[in-house]
Amino acid sequence: MSYRQLRKDLLAELKVTPQRLSQLTKQIKQAYGPMTTQEAVCLLAHLKGLDVAKYLDPAHVERVRQLRPPSGQAPPPLAKKPRLAARMPVQVTIGRDVQLADPVLPRRTISEAKLMAERVYPIMYIFENSVREVIGLVMARAHGNGWWQISAPREVRQKVEGRIQKEERTPWHGKRGAHPIYYTDIDDLTRIVRDRRNWPHFAPLFPSQTWLTQRVEEITPSRNVIAHSNPLGQDDIKRLEVYLTDWQNQIRHCLQQGLL
């Protein structure tokens, strides 16, 4: 037998993780005074009823016996692992009839879900898809319905093709959309607009080539936060609202002028 086997059998006896055993070992050191970690583990095994003589040589067994409290003196109690306090799930209603709750999430996170679902996500969803729609209208007018293969930048097409192929490996899941543009990221959309072959078709719609790019670049960090299920701060939310308003006002102007 060996110390390693003793430690393994102690873990099985206590039904704890190695991390919890480490915590108990620290408590043993605090309760019984200076000793090595191995001595603390052996003493804990002895206190829990394991016969350390089966694992250790006589000298080490004697050392463990010297570490235990004097005869008749009760050993200090070991602190139990704290349990999480039970709490009632917090329920939130999103929109009219979507009700969600979670047994472990704090109230703050549940409230954030409502804010993100009702105020933030719709802004990003509408903005990004509105940009896709405008690009599709402009490019189809210039090159017909097959414009994607003709005018989308090669690196954007390659990225989209990879995503479509990956999606085909999960036939049980719904598709993103009928057109490849729905497989793009928001910064891919600006690459389509800025492409030197395409910009002449978009120039009448925007004050400058950087007008759309600047807004997309500032929105992208917020989009990434949302994509990883994290909340936005109030300043970031206001920025999204301002940029959506800018975009919609510009597109309304283009429609009024017959540019779209």
Protein backbone atom coordinates (compact mmCIF):
# COMPACT_ATOMS: atom_id res chain seq x y z
CA MET A 1 0.00 0.00 0.00
CA SER A 2 1.00 3.62 -0.29
CA TYR A 3 0.02 7.19 0.48
CA ARG A 4 -1.45 7.50 -3.02
CA GLN A 5 -3.78 4.55 -2.35
CA LEU A 6 -4.68 5.97 1.07
CA ARG A 7 -5.68 9.27 -0.53
CA LYS A 8 -7.72 7.46 -3.20
CA ASP A 9 -9.55 5.38 -0.58
CA LEU A 10 -10.15 8.50 1.53
CA LEU A 11 -11.79 10.26 -1.41
CA ALA A 12 -14.06 7.26 -1.88
CA GLU A 13 -14.86 7.12 1.84
CA LEU A 14 -15.74 10.81 2.08
CA LYS A 15 -17.44 10.89 -1.34
CA VAL A 16 -15.88 14.27 -2.13
CA THR A 17 -13.90 15.82 -4.97
CA PRO A 18 -10.12 16.35 -4.79
CA GLN A 19 -10.86 20.08 -4.43
CA ARG A 20 -13.04 19.44 -1.40
CA LEU A 21 -10.40 17.15 0.08
CA SER A 22 -7.89 19.98 -0.28
CA GLN A 23 -10.27 22.25 1.68
CA LEU A 24 -10.62 19.67 4.45
CA THR A 25 -6.85 19.23 4.58
CA LYS A 26 -6.40 22.96 5.15
CA GLN A 27 -8.92 22.78 8.00
CA ILE A 28 -6.94 19.92 9.55
CA LYS A 29 -3.77 22.03 9.47
CA GLN A 30 -5.56 24.96 11.08
CA ALA A 31 -7.09 22.75 13.77
CA TYR A 32 -4.07 20.59 14.71
CA GLY A 33 -1.11 22.85 14.07
CA PRO A 34 1.87 22.73 11.70
CA MET A 35 2.16 19.66 9.50
CA THR A 36 2.70 18.74 5.87
CA THR A 37 -0.19 18.26 3.46
CA GLN A 38 0.46 14.52 3.32
CA GLU A 39 0.41 14.33 7.13
CA ALA A 40 -2.87 16.23 7.17
CA VAL A 41 -4.41 13.80 4.67
CA CYS A 42 -3.20 10.83 6.72
CA LEU A 43 -4.55 12.34 9.94
CA LEU A 44 -7.91 13.01 8.28
CA ALA A 45 -7.99 9.39 7.12
CA HIS A 46 -7.25 8.23 10.66
CA LEU A 47 -9.99 10.44 12.10
CA LYS A 48 -12.44 9.06 9.55
CA GLY A 49 -11.75 5.48 10.63
CA LEU A 50 -9.33 4.26 7.98
CA ASP A 51 -6.54 1.98 9.25
CA VAL A 52 -3.49 4.03 8.20
CA ALA A 53 -1.23 1.10 9.22
CA LYS A 54 -2.36 -0.66 6.04
CA TYR A 55 -0.91 2.14 3.93
CA LEU A 56 2.07 3.59 5.84
CA ASP A 57 5.26 2.29 7.37
CA PRO A 58 5.45 2.16 11.21
CA ALA A 59 7.35 5.44 11.51
CA HIS A 60 4.70 7.36 9.57
CA VAL A 61 1.90 5.64 11.51
CA GLU A 62 3.47 6.78 14.77
CA ARG A 63 3.76 10.32 13.43
CA VAL A 64 0.04 10.35 12.59
CA ARG A 65 -0.81 9.14 16.10
CA GLN A 66 1.28 11.95 17.57
CA LEU A 67 -0.67 14.49 15.51
CA ARG A 68 -4.08 13.46 16.81
CA PRO A 69 -5.54 15.19 19.93
CA PRO A 70 -4.76 13.80 23.39
CA SER A 71 -6.88 10.92 24.66
CA GLY A 72 -10.30 12.07 25.83
CA GLN A 73 -10.13 15.38 23.94
CA ALA A 74 -12.63 15.71 21.10
CA PRO A 75 -11.18 16.80 17.77
CA PRO A 76 -12.31 20.19 16.45
CA PRO A 77 -15.26 19.83 14.06
CA LEU A 78 -14.58 20.21 10.36
CA ALA A 79 -16.62 22.86 8.61
CA LYS A 80 -19.20 21.49 6.25
CA LYS A 81 -19.27 22.56 2.64
CA PRO A 82 -21.76 25.45 2.39
CA ARG A 83 -24.87 24.76 0.38
CA LEU A 84 -26.48 27.18 -2.01
CA ALA A 85 -29.53 28.76 -0.47
CA ALA A 86 -32.70 27.67 -2.21
CA ARG A 87 -34.59 30.47 -3.89
CA MET A 88 -37.78 30.80 -5.79
CA PRO A 89 -37.36 31.10 -9.58
CA VAL A 90 -37.89 34.62 -10.87
CA GLN A 91 -40.36 34.72 -13.75
CA VAL A 92 -40.37 37.31 -16.52
CA THR A 93 -42.94 37.97 -19.22
CA ILE A 94 -41.48 39.04 -22.56
CA GLY A 95 -43.82 40.69 -24.98
CA ARG A 96 -47.43 39.61 -24.50
CA ASP A 97 -47.26 35.93 -23.72
CA VAL A 98 -43.69 34.60 -23.54
CA GLN A 99 -43.07 33.63 -19.92
CA LEU A 100 -39.63 32.49 -18.82
CA ALA A 101 -38.10 31.55 -15.49
CA ASP A 102 -34.90 29.94 -14.27
CA PRO A 103 -34.19 28.22 -10.93
CA VAL A 104 -30.64 29.56 -10.50
CA LEU A 105 -30.31 32.88 -12.34
CA PRO A 106 -30.51 36.03 -10.19
CA ARG A 107 -33.30 38.56 -10.68
CA ARG A 108 -30.87 40.93 -12.41
CA THR A 109 -30.16 38.48 -15.22
CA ILE A 110 -33.85 37.72 -15.73
CA SER A 111 -34.57 41.47 -15.95
CA GLU A 112 -31.76 41.85 -18.48
CA ALA A 113 -33.37 39.16 -20.63
CA LYS A 114 -36.56 41.22 -20.82
CA LEU A 115 -34.65 44.40 -21.69
CA MET A 116 -32.55 42.70 -24.36
CA ALA A 117 -35.53 40.92 -25.90
CA GLU A 118 -37.92 43.86 -25.96
CA ARG A 119 -35.63 46.82 -26.61
CA VAL A 120 -32.18 45.80 -27.83
CA TYR A 121 -32.44 42.71 -30.03
CA PRO A 122 -35.22 44.13 -32.28
CA ILE A 123 -33.05 47.17 -33.06
CA MET A 124 -30.12 45.04 -34.18
CA TYR A 125 -32.37 42.61 -36.05
CA ILE A 126 -34.16 45.36 -37.97
CA PHE A 127 -31.00 47.36 -38.70
CA GLU A 128 -28.96 44.44 -40.03
CA ASN A 129 -31.75 42.99 -42.14
CA SER A 130 -32.73 46.39 -43.47
CA VAL A 131 -29.15 46.83 -44.70
CA ARG A 132 -29.36 43.41 -46.35
CA GLU A 133 -32.64 44.34 -48.03
CA VAL A 134 -31.27 47.60 -49.44
CA ILE A 135 -28.14 45.92 -50.75
CA GLY A 136 -30.23 43.20 -52.37
CA LEU A 137 -32.53 45.75 -54.04
CA VAL A 138 -29.66 47.86 -55.38
CA MET A 139 -27.58 44.94 -56.65
CA ALA A 140 -30.55 43.14 -58.21
CA ARG A 141 -31.46 46.33 -60.05
CA ALA A 142 -27.89 46.61 -61.35
CA HIS A 143 -27.16 42.94 -62.19
CA GLY A 144 -30.38 40.95 -61.87
CA ASN A 145 -31.23 38.23 -59.38
CA GLY A 146 -27.90 36.46 -59.95
CA TRP A 147 -25.92 39.44 -58.68
CA TRP A 148 -24.35 37.49 -55.77
CA GLN A 149 -22.02 35.39 -57.91
CA ILE A 150 -21.21 38.42 -60.07
CA SER A 151 -20.66 41.18 -57.51
CA ALA A 152 -20.16 39.83 -53.97
CA PRO A 153 -16.43 40.02 -53.02
CA ARG A 154 -14.69 36.65 -53.27
CA GLU A 155 -13.78 36.45 -49.56
CA VAL A 156 -17.39 37.11 -48.61
CA ARG A 157 -18.64 34.42 -51.02
CA GLN A 158 -16.13 31.91 -49.64
CA LYS A 159 -17.21 32.58 -46.06
CA VAL A 160 -20.86 32.18 -47.01
CA GLU A 161 -20.21 28.98 -48.95
CA GLY A 162 -18.50 27.51 -45.90
CA ARG A 163 -21.46 28.36 -43.71
CA ILE A 164 -23.93 26.89 -46.16
CA GLN A 165 -21.93 23.66 -46.36
CA LYS A 166 -21.77 23.48 -42.56
CA GLU A 167 -25.52 24.05 -42.35
CA GLU A 168 -26.13 21.18 -44.75
CA ARG A 169 -24.61 18.86 -42.13
CA THR A 170 -27.49 19.73 -39.78
CA PRO A 171 -30.55 19.07 -41.97
CA TRP A 172 -32.78 18.88 -38.90
CA HIS A 173 -32.27 22.60 -38.24
CA GLY A 174 -34.04 25.43 -40.07
CA LYS A 175 -32.15 27.41 -42.71
CA ARG A 176 -31.03 31.01 -42.36
CA GLY A 177 -32.61 32.24 -45.57
CA ALA A 178 -33.11 31.59 -49.24
CA HIS A 179 -30.44 34.06 -50.41
CA PRO A 180 -26.71 33.83 -49.57
CA ILE A 181 -26.75 37.40 -48.19
CA TYR A 182 -28.50 36.05 -45.08
CA TYR A 183 -25.36 34.08 -44.22
CA THR A 184 -23.22 37.22 -44.00
CA ASP A 185 -22.02 39.07 -40.91
CA ILE A 186 -22.81 42.76 -40.67
CA ASP A 187 -19.26 43.79 -41.61
CA ASP A 188 -19.53 41.61 -44.74
CA LEU A 189 -22.34 43.89 -45.86
CA THR A 190 -20.07 46.93 -45.81
CA ARG A 191 -17.49 45.01 -47.85
CA ILE A 192 -20.12 44.51 -50.55
CA VAL A 193 -21.01 48.20 -50.54
CA ARG A 194 -17.39 49.41 -50.52
CA ASP A 195 -16.25 47.09 -53.31
CA ARG A 196 -14.95 49.30 -56.12
CA ARG A 197 -17.24 47.58 -58.64
CA ASN A 198 -20.30 48.08 -56.46
CA TRP A 199 -19.82 51.49 -54.90
CA PRO A 200 -21.04 53.45 -57.98
CA HIS A 201 -24.44 51.80 -57.51
CA PHE A 202 -24.61 52.86 -53.83
CA ALA A 203 -23.04 56.30 -54.10
CA PRO A 204 -26.39 58.05 -54.81
CA LEU A 205 -27.86 56.62 -51.59
CA PHE A 206 -25.30 57.67 -48.99
CA PRO A 207 -23.47 60.93 -48.18
CA SER A 208 -20.11 59.13 -48.41
CA GLN A 209 -18.61 55.66 -48.54
CA THR A 210 -17.73 55.88 -44.84
CA TRP A 211 -21.24 56.88 -43.74
CA LEU A 212 -22.50 53.30 -43.49
CA THR A 213 -19.10 51.84 -42.57
CA GLN A 214 -18.72 54.11 -39.54
CA ARG A 215 -22.11 53.14 -38.15
CA VAL A 216 -21.55 49.44 -38.71
CA GLU A 217 -18.10 49.56 -37.06
CA GLU A 218 -19.55 51.20 -33.96
CA ILE A 219 -22.50 48.82 -33.79
CA THR A 220 -20.41 45.67 -34.27
CA PRO A 221 -19.06 45.53 -30.66
CA SER A 222 -22.64 45.69 -29.37
CA ARG A 223 -23.65 42.97 -31.81
CA ASN A 224 -20.86 40.75 -30.49
CA VAL A 225 -21.96 41.32 -26.89
CA ILE A 226 -25.55 40.39 -27.78
CA ALA A 227 -24.41 37.31 -29.71
CA HIS A 228 -22.71 35.98 -26.56
CA SER A 229 -25.82 36.51 -24.40
CA ASN A 230 -24.48 39.46 -22.45
CA PRO A 231 -26.35 42.68 -21.64
CA LEU A 232 -25.66 46.12 -23.11
CA GLY A 233 -25.23 49.28 -21.05
CA GLN A 234 -27.62 52.18 -21.46
CA ASP A 235 -25.13 54.25 -23.50
CA ASP A 236 -24.66 51.37 -25.95
CA ILE A 237 -28.41 50.93 -26.27
CA LYS A 238 -28.88 54.64 -27.00
CA ARG A 239 -26.16 54.44 -29.66
CA LEU A 240 -28.00 51.58 -31.37
CA GLU A 241 -31.23 53.57 -31.32
CA VAL A 242 -29.55 56.64 -32.82
CA TYR A 243 -27.90 54.68 -35.61
CA LEU A 244 -31.11 52.85 -36.47
CA THR A 245 -32.86 56.22 -36.69
CA ASP A 246 -30.07 57.60 -38.90
CA TRP A 247 -30.33 54.61 -41.22
CA GLN A 248 -34.11 54.70 -41.49
CA ASN A 249 -34.18 58.45 -42.12
CA GLN A 250 -31.61 58.05 -44.90
CA ILE A 251 -33.52 55.20 -46.53
CA ARG A 252 -36.80 57.15 -46.31
CA HIS A 253 -35.09 60.01 -48.08
CA CYS A 254 -33.86 57.66 -50.81
CA LEU A 255 -37.38 56.28 -51.28
CA GLN A 256 -38.83 59.75 -51.54
CA GLN A 257 -36.23 60.68 -54.14
CA GLY A 258 -36.90 57.54 -56.15
CA LEU A 259 -33.41 56.19 -55.54
CA LEU A 260 -34.74 52.87 -54.30
